[in-house]
Full PDB file with SEQRES, HELIX, SHEET, SSBOND, CRYST1, ORIGX, SCALE, CONECT and MASTER records, all heavy atoms in Angstrom:
SEQRES   1 A   39  ALA VAL SER ALA LEU GLY GLY VAL ASP PRO ILE ALA ALA          
SEQRES   2 A   39  LEU ARG PRO ARG SER TYR TYR LYS PHE ASN LEU GLU LYS          
SEQRES   3 A   39  GLY THR LYS SER LEU ILE LEU ARG GLY THR LEU GLN PHE          
HELIX    1 AA1 ALA A   12  LEU A   14  5                                   3    
SHEET    1 AA1 2 SER A  18  ASN A  23  0                                        
SHEET    2 AA1 2 THR A  28  ARG A  34 -1                                        
CRYST1    1.000    1.000    1.000  90.00  90.00  90.00 P 1           1          
ORIGX1      1.000000  0.000000  0.000000        0.00000                         
ORIGX2      0.000000  1.000000  0.000000        0.00000                         
ORIGX3      0.000000  0.000000  1.000000        0.00000                         
SCALE1      1.000000  0.000000  0.000000        0.00000                         
SCALE2      0.000000  1.000000  0.000000        0.00000                         
SCALE3      0.000000  0.000000  1.000000        0.00000                         
ATOM      1  N   ALA A   1      -3.033  19.202 -19.991  1.00  0.00           N  
ATOM      2  CA  ALA A   1      -2.356  20.355 -20.609  1.00  0.00           C  
ATOM      3  C   ALA A   1      -0.880  20.070 -20.786  1.00  0.00           C  
ATOM      4  O   ALA A   1      -0.277  20.438 -21.793  1.00  0.00           O  
ATOM      5  CB  ALA A   1      -2.559  21.599 -19.743  1.00  0.00           C  
ATOM      6  N   VAL A   2      -0.272  19.433 -19.817  1.00  0.00           N  
ATOM      7  CA  VAL A   2       1.151  19.039 -19.904  1.00  0.00           C  
ATOM      8  C   VAL A   2       1.256  17.578 -19.713  1.00  0.00           C  
ATOM      9  O   VAL A   2       0.848  17.042 -18.677  1.00  0.00           O  
ATOM     10  CB  VAL A   2       1.988  19.779 -18.806  1.00  0.00           C  
ATOM     11  CG1 VAL A   2       3.440  19.370 -18.960  1.00  0.00           C  
ATOM     12  CG2 VAL A   2       1.853  21.262 -18.946  1.00  0.00           C  
ATOM     13  N   SER A   3       1.729  16.842 -20.720  1.00  0.00           N  
ATOM     14  CA  SER A   3       1.856  15.415 -20.598  1.00  0.00           C  
ATOM     15  C   SER A   3       3.004  15.060 -19.678  1.00  0.00           C  
ATOM     16  O   SER A   3       4.026  15.730 -19.664  1.00  0.00           O  
ATOM     17  CB  SER A   3       2.043  14.774 -21.970  1.00  0.00           C  
ATOM     18  OG  SER A   3       3.229  15.272 -22.579  1.00  0.00           O  
ATOM     19  N   ALA A   4       2.839  13.981 -18.944  1.00  0.00           N  
ATOM     20  CA  ALA A   4       3.945  13.452 -18.136  1.00  0.00           C  
ATOM     21  C   ALA A   4       4.923  12.771 -19.012  1.00  0.00           C  
ATOM     22  O   ALA A   4       4.584  11.960 -19.874  1.00  0.00           O  
ATOM     23  CB  ALA A   4       3.392  12.476 -17.077  1.00  0.00           C  
ATOM     24  N   LEU A   5       6.203  13.085 -18.846  1.00  0.00           N  
ATOM     25  CA  LEU A   5       7.233  12.502 -19.692  1.00  0.00           C  
ATOM     26  C   LEU A   5       7.686  11.204 -19.077  1.00  0.00           C  
ATOM     27  O   LEU A   5       8.405  11.137 -18.091  1.00  0.00           O  
ATOM     28  CB  LEU A   5       8.428  13.447 -19.805  1.00  0.00           C  
ATOM     29  CG  LEU A   5       8.114  14.742 -20.524  1.00  0.00           C  
ATOM     30  CD1 LEU A   5       9.378  15.629 -20.600  1.00  0.00           C  
ATOM     31  CD2 LEU A   5       7.558  14.503 -21.884  1.00  0.00           C  
ATOM     32  N   GLY A   6       7.259  10.091 -19.690  1.00  0.00           N  
ATOM     33  CA  GLY A   6       7.690   8.795 -19.200  1.00  0.00           C  
ATOM     34  C   GLY A   6       6.774   8.317 -18.070  1.00  0.00           C  
ATOM     35  O   GLY A   6       5.812   8.918 -17.678  1.00  0.00           O  
ATOM     36  N   GLY A   7       7.144   7.165 -17.487  1.00  0.00           N  
ATOM     37  CA  GLY A   7       6.396   6.631 -16.416  1.00  0.00           C  
ATOM     38  C   GLY A   7       5.144   5.902 -16.936  1.00  0.00           C  
ATOM     39  O   GLY A   7       4.821   5.944 -18.089  1.00  0.00           O  
ATOM     40  N   VAL A   8       4.490   5.187 -16.038  1.00  0.00           N  
ATOM     41  CA  VAL A   8       3.339   4.429 -16.404  1.00  0.00           C  
ATOM     42  C   VAL A   8       2.254   4.595 -15.355  1.00  0.00           C  
ATOM     43  O   VAL A   8       2.482   4.428 -14.155  1.00  0.00           O  
ATOM     44  CB  VAL A   8       3.720   2.920 -16.476  1.00  0.00           C  
ATOM     45  CG1 VAL A   8       2.467   2.082 -16.674  1.00  0.00           C  
ATOM     46  CG2 VAL A   8       4.690   2.661 -17.620  1.00  0.00           C  
ATOM     47  N   ASP A   9       1.071   4.943 -15.805  1.00  0.00           N  
ATOM     48  CA  ASP A   9      -0.102   4.994 -14.962  1.00  0.00           C  
ATOM     49  C   ASP A   9      -1.137   4.110 -15.660  1.00  0.00           C  
ATOM     50  O   ASP A   9      -1.935   4.598 -16.464  1.00  0.00           O  
ATOM     51  CB  ASP A   9      -0.604   6.451 -14.815  1.00  0.00           C  
ATOM     52  CG  ASP A   9      -1.834   6.546 -13.952  1.00  0.00           C  
ATOM     53  OD1 ASP A   9      -2.221   5.535 -13.342  1.00  0.00           O  
ATOM     54  OD2 ASP A   9      -2.451   7.627 -13.906  1.00  0.00           O  
ATOM     55  N   PRO A  10      -1.151   2.798 -15.352  1.00  0.00           N  
ATOM     56  CA  PRO A  10      -1.989   1.884 -16.103  1.00  0.00           C  
ATOM     57  C   PRO A  10      -3.479   2.111 -15.957  1.00  0.00           C  
ATOM     58  O   PRO A  10      -4.271   1.668 -16.763  1.00  0.00           O  
ATOM     59  CB  PRO A  10      -1.583   0.516 -15.557  1.00  0.00           C  
ATOM     60  CG  PRO A  10      -1.004   0.788 -14.217  1.00  0.00           C  
ATOM     61  CD  PRO A  10      -0.333   2.113 -14.326  1.00  0.00           C  
ATOM     62  N   ILE A  11      -3.831   2.884 -14.935  1.00  0.00           N  
ATOM     63  CA  ILE A  11      -5.288   3.152 -14.728  1.00  0.00           C  
ATOM     64  C   ILE A  11      -5.745   4.402 -15.491  1.00  0.00           C  
ATOM     65  O   ILE A  11      -6.930   4.671 -15.601  1.00  0.00           O  
ATOM     66  CB  ILE A  11      -5.551   3.304 -13.210  1.00  0.00           C  
ATOM     67  CG1 ILE A  11      -4.985   2.124 -12.447  1.00  0.00           C  
ATOM     68  CG2 ILE A  11      -7.022   3.417 -12.908  1.00  0.00           C  
ATOM     69  CD1 ILE A  11      -5.519   0.769 -12.893  1.00  0.00           C  
ATOM     70  N   ALA A  12      -4.787   5.144 -16.046  1.00  0.00           N  
ATOM     71  CA  ALA A  12      -5.140   6.384 -16.717  1.00  0.00           C  
ATOM     72  C   ALA A  12      -6.154   6.207 -17.829  1.00  0.00           C  
ATOM     73  O   ALA A  12      -7.073   6.989 -18.001  1.00  0.00           O  
ATOM     74  CB  ALA A  12      -3.883   7.056 -17.272  1.00  0.00           C  
ATOM     75  N   ALA A  13      -6.028   5.099 -18.586  1.00  0.00           N  
ATOM     76  CA  ALA A  13      -6.960   4.859 -19.695  1.00  0.00           C  
ATOM     77  C   ALA A  13      -8.349   4.517 -19.253  1.00  0.00           C  
ATOM     78  O   ALA A  13      -9.283   4.542 -20.047  1.00  0.00           O  
ATOM     79  CB  ALA A  13      -6.389   3.722 -20.554  1.00  0.00           C  
ATOM     80  N   LEU A  14      -8.509   4.271 -17.937  1.00  0.00           N  
ATOM     81  CA  LEU A  14      -9.843   3.926 -17.439  1.00  0.00           C  
ATOM     82  C   LEU A  14     -10.585   5.115 -16.880  1.00  0.00           C  
ATOM     83  O   LEU A  14     -11.767   5.013 -16.539  1.00  0.00           O  
ATOM     84  CB  LEU A  14      -9.707   2.865 -16.338  1.00  0.00           C  
ATOM     85  CG  LEU A  14      -8.882   1.628 -16.669  1.00  0.00           C  
ATOM     86  CD1 LEU A  14      -8.891   0.660 -15.486  1.00  0.00           C  
ATOM     87  CD2 LEU A  14      -9.433   0.927 -17.909  1.00  0.00           C  
ATOM     88  N   ARG A  15      -9.880   6.259 -16.762  1.00  0.00           N  
ATOM     89  CA  ARG A  15     -10.528   7.455 -16.175  1.00  0.00           C  
ATOM     90  C   ARG A  15     -11.335   8.181 -17.227  1.00  0.00           C  
ATOM     91  O   ARG A  15     -10.831   8.560 -18.267  1.00  0.00           O  
ATOM     92  CB  ARG A  15      -9.443   8.367 -15.595  1.00  0.00           C  
ATOM     93  CG  ARG A  15      -8.654   7.768 -14.460  1.00  0.00           C  
ATOM     94  CD  ARG A  15      -7.774   8.822 -13.783  1.00  0.00           C  
ATOM     95  NE  ARG A  15      -6.922   8.213 -12.766  1.00  0.00           N  
ATOM     96  CZ  ARG A  15      -5.616   8.004 -12.918  1.00  0.00           C  
ATOM     97  NH1 ARG A  15      -5.002   8.392 -13.991  1.00  0.00           N  
ATOM     98  NH2 ARG A  15      -4.928   7.462 -11.921  1.00  0.00           N  
ATOM     99  N   PRO A  16     -12.645   8.405 -16.986  1.00  0.00           N  
ATOM    100  CA  PRO A  16     -13.472   9.111 -17.956  1.00  0.00           C  
ATOM    101  C   PRO A  16     -12.912  10.479 -18.251  1.00  0.00           C  
ATOM    102  O   PRO A  16     -12.470  11.214 -17.357  1.00  0.00           O  
ATOM    103  CB  PRO A  16     -14.814   9.166 -17.295  1.00  0.00           C  
ATOM    104  CG  PRO A  16     -14.841   7.994 -16.384  1.00  0.00           C  
ATOM    105  CD  PRO A  16     -13.437   7.882 -15.836  1.00  0.00           C  
ATOM    106  N   ARG A  17     -12.942  10.856 -19.552  1.00  0.00           N  
ATOM    107  CA  ARG A  17     -12.430  12.161 -19.987  1.00  0.00           C  
ATOM    108  C   ARG A  17     -13.501  12.848 -20.802  1.00  0.00           C  
ATOM    109  O   ARG A  17     -14.195  12.203 -21.586  1.00  0.00           O  
ATOM    110  CB  ARG A  17     -11.163  11.932 -20.827  1.00  0.00           C  
ATOM    111  CG  ARG A  17     -10.408  13.178 -21.172  1.00  0.00           C  
ATOM    112  CD  ARG A  17      -9.170  12.889 -22.012  1.00  0.00           C  
ATOM    113  NE  ARG A  17      -8.341  14.058 -22.147  1.00  0.00           N  
ATOM    114  CZ  ARG A  17      -7.324  14.115 -23.015  1.00  0.00           C  
ATOM    115  NH1 ARG A  17      -7.025  13.088 -23.775  1.00  0.00           N  
ATOM    116  NH2 ARG A  17      -6.608  15.229 -23.100  1.00  0.00           N  
ATOM    117  N   SER A  18     -13.601  14.167 -20.678  1.00  0.00           N  
ATOM    118  CA  SER A  18     -14.586  14.931 -21.407  1.00  0.00           C  
ATOM    119  C   SER A  18     -13.905  15.676 -22.546  1.00  0.00           C  
ATOM    120  O   SER A  18     -12.734  16.056 -22.452  1.00  0.00           O  
ATOM    121  CB  SER A  18     -15.313  15.916 -20.475  1.00  0.00           C  
ATOM    122  OG  SER A  18     -16.039  15.233 -19.511  1.00  0.00           O  
ATOM    123  N   TYR A  19     -14.651  15.936 -23.602  1.00  0.00           N  
ATOM    124  CA  TYR A  19     -14.160  16.597 -24.827  1.00  0.00           C  
ATOM    125  C   TYR A  19     -15.040  17.792 -25.149  1.00  0.00           C  
ATOM    126  O   TYR A  19     -16.284  17.698 -25.056  1.00  0.00           O  
ATOM    127  CB  TYR A  19     -14.103  15.585 -25.972  1.00  0.00           C  
ATOM    128  CG  TYR A  19     -13.222  14.397 -25.674  1.00  0.00           C  
ATOM    129  CD1 TYR A  19     -13.764  13.264 -25.070  1.00  0.00           C  
ATOM    130  CD2 TYR A  19     -11.869  14.415 -25.932  1.00  0.00           C  
ATOM    131  CE1 TYR A  19     -13.009  12.159 -24.781  1.00  0.00           C  
ATOM    132  CE2 TYR A  19     -11.067  13.351 -25.635  1.00  0.00           C  
ATOM    133  CZ  TYR A  19     -11.649  12.210 -25.059  1.00  0.00           C  
ATOM    134  OH  TYR A  19     -10.830  11.132 -24.738  1.00  0.00           O  
ATOM    135  N   TYR A  20     -14.385  18.869 -25.567  1.00  0.00           N  
ATOM    136  CA  TYR A  20     -15.108  20.122 -25.769  1.00  0.00           C  
ATOM    137  C   TYR A  20     -14.665  20.770 -27.067  1.00  0.00           C  
ATOM    138  O   TYR A  20     -13.538  20.569 -27.564  1.00  0.00           O  
ATOM    139  CB  TYR A  20     -14.807  21.107 -24.637  1.00  0.00           C  
ATOM    140  CG  TYR A  20     -15.025  20.608 -23.242  1.00  0.00           C  
ATOM    141  CD1 TYR A  20     -13.969  19.946 -22.584  1.00  0.00           C  
ATOM    142  CD2 TYR A  20     -16.236  20.776 -22.587  1.00  0.00           C  
ATOM    143  CE1 TYR A  20     -14.147  19.469 -21.266  1.00  0.00           C  
ATOM    144  CE2 TYR A  20     -16.428  20.296 -21.297  1.00  0.00           C  
ATOM    145  CZ  TYR A  20     -15.361  19.615 -20.631  1.00  0.00           C  
ATOM    146  OH  TYR A  20     -15.542  19.173 -19.356  1.00  0.00           O  
ATOM    147  N   LYS A  21     -15.548  21.643 -27.618  1.00  0.00           N  
ATOM    148  CA  LYS A  21     -15.149  22.629 -28.560  1.00  0.00           C  
ATOM    149  C   LYS A  21     -14.786  23.910 -27.816  1.00  0.00           C  
ATOM    150  O   LYS A  21     -15.577  24.394 -27.010  1.00  0.00           O  
ATOM    151  CB  LYS A  21     -16.262  22.922 -29.605  1.00  0.00           C  
ATOM    152  CG  LYS A  21     -16.258  22.009 -30.782  1.00  0.00           C  
ATOM    153  CD  LYS A  21     -17.212  22.511 -31.884  1.00  0.00           C  
ATOM    154  CE  LYS A  21     -17.103  21.677 -33.114  1.00  0.00           C  
ATOM    155  NZ  LYS A  21     -17.992  22.167 -34.190  1.00  0.00           N  
ATOM    156  N   PHE A  22     -13.575  24.399 -28.060  1.00  0.00           N  
ATOM    157  CA  PHE A  22     -13.108  25.622 -27.397  1.00  0.00           C  
ATOM    158  C   PHE A  22     -13.272  26.764 -28.372  1.00  0.00           C  
ATOM    159  O   PHE A  22     -12.702  26.751 -29.469  1.00  0.00           O  
ATOM    160  CB  PHE A  22     -11.673  25.452 -26.972  1.00  0.00           C  
ATOM    161  CG  PHE A  22     -11.135  26.604 -26.190  1.00  0.00           C  
ATOM    162  CD1 PHE A  22     -11.170  26.618 -24.804  1.00  0.00           C  
ATOM    163  CD2 PHE A  22     -10.502  27.693 -26.830  1.00  0.00           C  
ATOM    164  CE1 PHE A  22     -10.637  27.675 -24.089  1.00  0.00           C  
ATOM    165  CE2 PHE A  22      -9.990  28.765 -26.112  1.00  0.00           C  
ATOM    166  CZ  PHE A  22     -10.057  28.759 -24.718  1.00  0.00           C  
ATOM    167  N   ASN A  23     -14.006  27.789 -27.982  1.00  0.00           N  
ATOM    168  CA  ASN A  23     -14.235  28.970 -28.810  1.00  0.00           C  
ATOM    169  C   ASN A  23     -13.037  29.901 -28.653  1.00  0.00           C  
ATOM    170  O   ASN A  23     -12.807  30.482 -27.593  1.00  0.00           O  
ATOM    171  CB  ASN A  23     -15.526  29.684 -28.432  1.00  0.00           C  
ATOM    172  CG  ASN A  23     -15.889  30.794 -29.348  1.00  0.00           C  
ATOM    173  OD1 ASN A  23     -15.081  31.716 -29.593  1.00  0.00           O  
ATOM    174  ND2 ASN A  23     -17.097  30.733 -29.903  1.00  0.00           N  
ATOM    175  N   LEU A  24     -12.269  30.053 -29.731  1.00  0.00           N  
ATOM    176  CA  LEU A  24     -11.027  30.834 -29.662  1.00  0.00           C  
ATOM    177  C   LEU A  24     -11.307  32.303 -29.400  1.00  0.00           C  
ATOM    178  O   LEU A  24     -10.498  32.973 -28.687  1.00  0.00           O  
ATOM    179  CB  LEU A  24     -10.258  30.655 -30.940  1.00  0.00           C  
ATOM    180  CG  LEU A  24      -9.742  29.238 -31.209  1.00  0.00           C  
ATOM    181  CD1 LEU A  24      -9.287  29.063 -32.714  1.00  0.00           C  
ATOM    182  CD2 LEU A  24      -8.612  28.867 -30.295  1.00  0.00           C  
ATOM    183  N   GLU A  25     -12.353  32.827 -29.940  1.00  0.00           N  
ATOM    184  CA  GLU A  25     -12.656  34.287 -29.771  1.00  0.00           C  
ATOM    185  C   GLU A  25     -13.120  34.608 -28.381  1.00  0.00           C  
ATOM    186  O   GLU A  25     -12.762  35.578 -27.783  1.00  0.00           O  
ATOM    187  CB  GLU A  25     -13.650  34.714 -30.816  1.00  0.00           C  
ATOM    188  CG  GLU A  25     -13.993  36.218 -30.712  1.00  0.00           C  
ATOM    189  CD  GLU A  25     -15.009  36.648 -31.769  1.00  0.00           C  
ATOM    190  OE1 GLU A  25     -15.445  35.795 -32.572  1.00  0.00           O  
ATOM    191  OE2 GLU A  25     -15.386  37.835 -31.733  1.00  0.00           O  
ATOM    192  N   LYS A  26     -13.996  33.731 -27.835  1.00  0.00           N  
ATOM    193  CA  LYS A  26     -14.640  34.024 -26.551  1.00  0.00           C  
ATOM    194  C   LYS A  26     -13.932  33.381 -25.359  1.00  0.00           C  
ATOM    195  O   LYS A  26     -14.167  33.778 -24.198  1.00  0.00           O  
ATOM    196  CB  LYS A  26     -16.099  33.530 -26.615  1.00  0.00           C  
ATOM    197  CG  LYS A  26     -16.916  34.263 -27.656  1.00  0.00           C  
ATOM    198  CD  LYS A  26     -18.335  33.717 -27.666  1.00  0.00           C  
ATOM    199  CE  LYS A  26     -19.212  34.388 -28.738  1.00  0.00           C  
ATOM    200  NZ  LYS A  26     -20.559  33.836 -28.792  1.00  0.00           N  
ATOM    201  N   GLY A  27     -13.085  32.364 -25.634  1.00  0.00           N  
ATOM    202  CA  GLY A  27     -12.452  31.702 -24.511  1.00  0.00           C  
ATOM    203  C   GLY A  27     -13.410  30.818 -23.716  1.00  0.00           C  
ATOM    204  O   GLY A  27     -13.289  30.642 -22.495  1.00  0.00           O  
ATOM    205  N   THR A  28     -14.423  30.249 -24.378  1.00  0.00           N  
ATOM    206  CA  THR A  28     -15.409  29.425 -23.711  1.00  0.00           C  
ATOM    207  C   THR A  28     -15.344  28.031 -24.304  1.00  0.00           C  
ATOM    208  O   THR A  28     -14.843  27.826 -25.419  1.00  0.00           O  
ATOM    209  CB  THR A  28     -16.839  29.989 -23.910  1.00  0.00           C  
ATOM    210  OG1 THR A  28     -17.104  30.129 -25.325  1.00  0.00           O  
ATOM    211  CG2 THR A  28     -16.936  31.370 -23.225  1.00  0.00           C  
ATOM    212  N   LYS A  29     -15.934  27.081 -23.627  1.00  0.00           N  
ATOM    213  CA  LYS A  29     -15.927  25.689 -24.113  1.00  0.00           C  
ATOM    214  C   LYS A  29     -17.345  25.138 -24.074  1.00  0.00           C  
ATOM    215  O   LYS A  29     -18.174  25.513 -23.215  1.00  0.00           O  
ATOM    216  CB  LYS A  29     -15.030  24.821 -23.290  1.00  0.00           C  
ATOM    217  CG  LYS A  29     -15.391  24.723 -21.800  1.00  0.00           C  
ATOM    218  CD  LYS A  29     -14.427  23.848 -21.016  1.00  0.00           C  
ATOM    219  CE  LYS A  29     -14.949  23.705 -19.570  1.00  0.00           C  
ATOM    220  NZ  LYS A  29     -14.092  22.877 -18.715  1.00  0.00           N  
ATOM    221  N   SER A  30     -17.670  24.243 -25.023  1.00  0.00           N  
ATOM    222  CA  SER A  30     -18.966  23.611 -25.043  1.00  0.00           C  
ATOM    223  C   SER A  30     -18.734  22.098 -25.173  1.00  0.00           C  
ATOM    224  O   SER A  30     -17.886  21.637 -25.972  1.00  0.00           O  
ATOM    225  CB  SER A  30     -19.808  24.104 -26.239  1.00  0.00           C  
ATOM    226  OG  SER A  30     -19.117  23.928 -27.465  1.00  0.00           O  
ATOM    227  N   LEU A  31     -19.445  21.302 -24.415  1.00  0.00           N  
ATOM    228  CA  LEU A  31     -19.269  19.868 -24.333  1.00  0.00           C  
ATOM    229  C   LEU A  31     -19.672  19.186 -25.620  1.00  0.00           C  
ATOM    230  O   LEU A  31     -20.723  19.465 -26.171  1.00  0.00           O  
ATOM    231  CB  LEU A  31     -20.085  19.322 -23.161  1.00  0.00           C  
ATOM    232  CG  LEU A  31     -19.943  17.808 -22.910  1.00  0.00           C  
ATOM    233  CD1 LEU A  31     -18.550  17.476 -22.372  1.00  0.00           C  
ATOM    234  CD2 LEU A  31     -20.998  17.345 -21.897  1.00  0.00           C  
ATOM    235  N   ILE A  32     -18.794  18.323 -26.095  1.00  0.00           N  
ATOM    236  CA  ILE A  32     -19.090  17.471 -27.271  1.00  0.00           C  
ATOM    237  C   ILE A  32     -19.420  16.055 -26.795  1.00  0.00           C  
ATOM    238  O   ILE A  32     -20.433  15.458 -27.235  1.00  0.00           O  
ATOM    239  CB  ILE A  32     -17.901  17.398 -28.216  1.00  0.00           C  
ATOM    240  CG1 ILE A  32     -17.700  18.723 -28.929  1.00  0.00           C  
ATOM    241  CG2 ILE A  32     -18.088  16.307 -29.288  1.00  0.00           C  
ATOM    242  CD1 ILE A  32     -16.517  18.746 -29.884  1.00  0.00           C  
ATOM    243  N   LEU A  33     -18.633  15.513 -25.907  1.00  0.00           N  
ATOM    244  CA  LEU A  33     -18.779  14.123 -25.480  1.00  0.00           C  
ATOM    245  C   LEU A  33     -18.194  13.983 -24.080  1.00  0.00           C  
ATOM    246  O   LEU A  33     -17.083  14.442 -23.835  1.00  0.00           O  
ATOM    247  CB  LEU A  33     -18.070  13.195 -26.465  1.00  0.00           C  
ATOM    248  CG  LEU A  33     -18.207  11.714 -26.225  1.00  0.00           C  
ATOM    249  CD1 LEU A  33     -19.618  11.231 -26.525  1.00  0.00           C  
ATOM    250  CD2 LEU A  33     -17.231  10.915 -27.110  1.00  0.00           C  
ATOM    251  N   ARG A  34     -18.908  13.358 -23.216  1.00  0.00           N  
ATOM    252  CA  ARG A  34     -18.419  13.076 -21.873  1.00  0.00           C  
ATOM    253  C   ARG A  34     -18.123  11.600 -21.738  1.00  0.00           C  
ATOM    254  O   ARG A  34     -18.957  10.744 -22.019  1.00  0.00           O  
ATOM    255  CB  ARG A  34     -19.436  13.486 -20.813  1.00  0.00           C  
ATOM    256  CG  ARG A  34     -18.894  13.497 -19.404  1.00  0.00           C  
ATOM    257  CD  ARG A  34     -19.963  13.866 -18.363  1.00  0.00           C  
ATOM    258  NE  ARG A  34     -20.558  15.143 -18.641  1.00  0.00           N  
ATOM    259  CZ  ARG A  34     -19.996  16.303 -18.290  1.00  0.00           C  
ATOM    260  NH1 ARG A  34     -18.841  16.315 -17.675  1.00  0.00           N  
ATOM    261  NH2 ARG A  34     -20.625  17.468 -18.520  1.00  0.00           N  
ATOM    262  N   GLY A  35     -16.873  11.260 -21.314  1.00  0.00           N  
ATOM    263  CA  GLY A  35     -16.515   9.885 -21.109  1.00  0.00           C  
ATOM    264  C   GLY A  35     -17.342   9.245 -20.020  1.00  0.00           C  
ATOM    265  O   GLY A  35     -17.767   9.900 -19.042  1.00  0.00           O  
ATOM    266  N   THR A  36     -17.620   7.943 -20.165  1.00  0.00           N  
ATOM    267  CA  THR A  36     -18.371   7.187 -19.180  1.00  0.00           C  
ATOM    268  C   THR A  36     -17.524   6.041 -18.648  1.00  0.00           C  
ATOM    269  O   THR A  36     -16.425   5.780 -19.162  1.00  0.00           O  
ATOM    270  CB  THR A  36     -19.643   6.615 -19.799  1.00  0.00           C  
ATOM    271  OG1 THR A  36     -19.275   5.644 -20.796  1.00  0.00           O  
ATOM    272  CG2 THR A  36     -20.481   7.725 -20.463  1.00  0.00           C  
ATOM    273  N   LEU A  37     -18.000   5.365 -17.672  1.00  0.00           N  
ATOM    274  CA  LEU A  37     -17.276   4.236 -17.116  1.00  0.00           C  
ATOM    275  C   LEU A  37     -17.178   3.134 -18.176  1.00  0.00           C  
ATOM    276  O   LEU A  37     -16.200   2.403 -18.253  1.00  0.00           O  
ATOM    277  CB  LEU A  37     -17.991   3.658 -15.894  1.00  0.00           C  
ATOM    278  CG  LEU A  37     -17.943   4.601 -14.648  1.00  0.00           C  
ATOM    279  CD1 LEU A  37     -18.739   3.973 -13.508  1.00  0.00           C  
ATOM    280  CD2 LEU A  37     -16.496   4.808 -14.215  1.00  0.00           C  
ATOM    281  N   GLN A  38     -18.175   3.039 -19.076  1.00  0.00           N  
ATOM    282  CA  GLN A  38     -18.135   2.007 -20.122  1.00  0.00           C  
ATOM    283  C   GLN A  38     -17.203   2.421 -21.279  1.00  0.00           C  
ATOM    284  O   GLN A  38     -16.391   1.639 -21.749  1.00  0.00           O  
ATOM    285  CB  GLN A  38     -19.538   1.743 -20.686  1.00  0.00           C  
ATOM    286  CG  GLN A  38     -19.523   0.652 -21.772  1.00  0.00           C  
ATOM    287  CD  GLN A  38     -20.890   0.416 -22.355  1.00  0.00           C  
ATOM    288  OE1 GLN A  38     -21.800   1.189 -22.136  1.00  0.00           O  
ATOM    289  NE2 GLN A  38     -21.031  -0.649 -23.120  1.00  0.00           N  
ATOM    290  N   PHE A  39     -17.305   3.714 -21.688  1.00  0.00           N  
ATOM    291  CA  PHE A  39     -16.447   4.243 -22.746  1.00  0.00           C  
ATOM    292  C   PHE A  39     -15.719   5.470 -22.185  1.00  0.00           C  
ATOM    293  O   PHE A  39     -16.145   6.612 -22.411  1.00  0.00           O  
ATOM    294  CB  PHE A  39     -17.287   4.632 -23.947  1.00  0.00           C  
ATOM    295  CG  PHE A  39     -17.999   3.498 -24.596  1.00  0.00           C  
ATOM    296  CD1 PHE A  39     -19.392   3.390 -24.490  1.00  0.00           C  
ATOM    297  CD2 PHE A  39     -17.312   2.520 -25.316  1.00  0.00           C  
ATOM    298  CE1 PHE A  39     -20.074   2.338 -25.068  1.00  0.00           C  
ATOM    299  CE2 PHE A  39     -17.993   1.462 -25.910  1.00  0.00           C  
ATOM    300  CZ  PHE A  39     -19.357   1.356 -25.791  1.00  0.00           C  
TER     301      PHE A  39                                                      
MASTER        0    0    0    1    2    0    0    6  300    1    0    3          
END                                                                             
């Protein structure tokens, strides 16, 4: 939600991240893609 200004976390790109569609009217989220160890 808030990006860190500066600095380096070289492992950050390896941490799986999930992606969602956020419903603006309802304030709910639905999963589109879940990051894996491979991707």
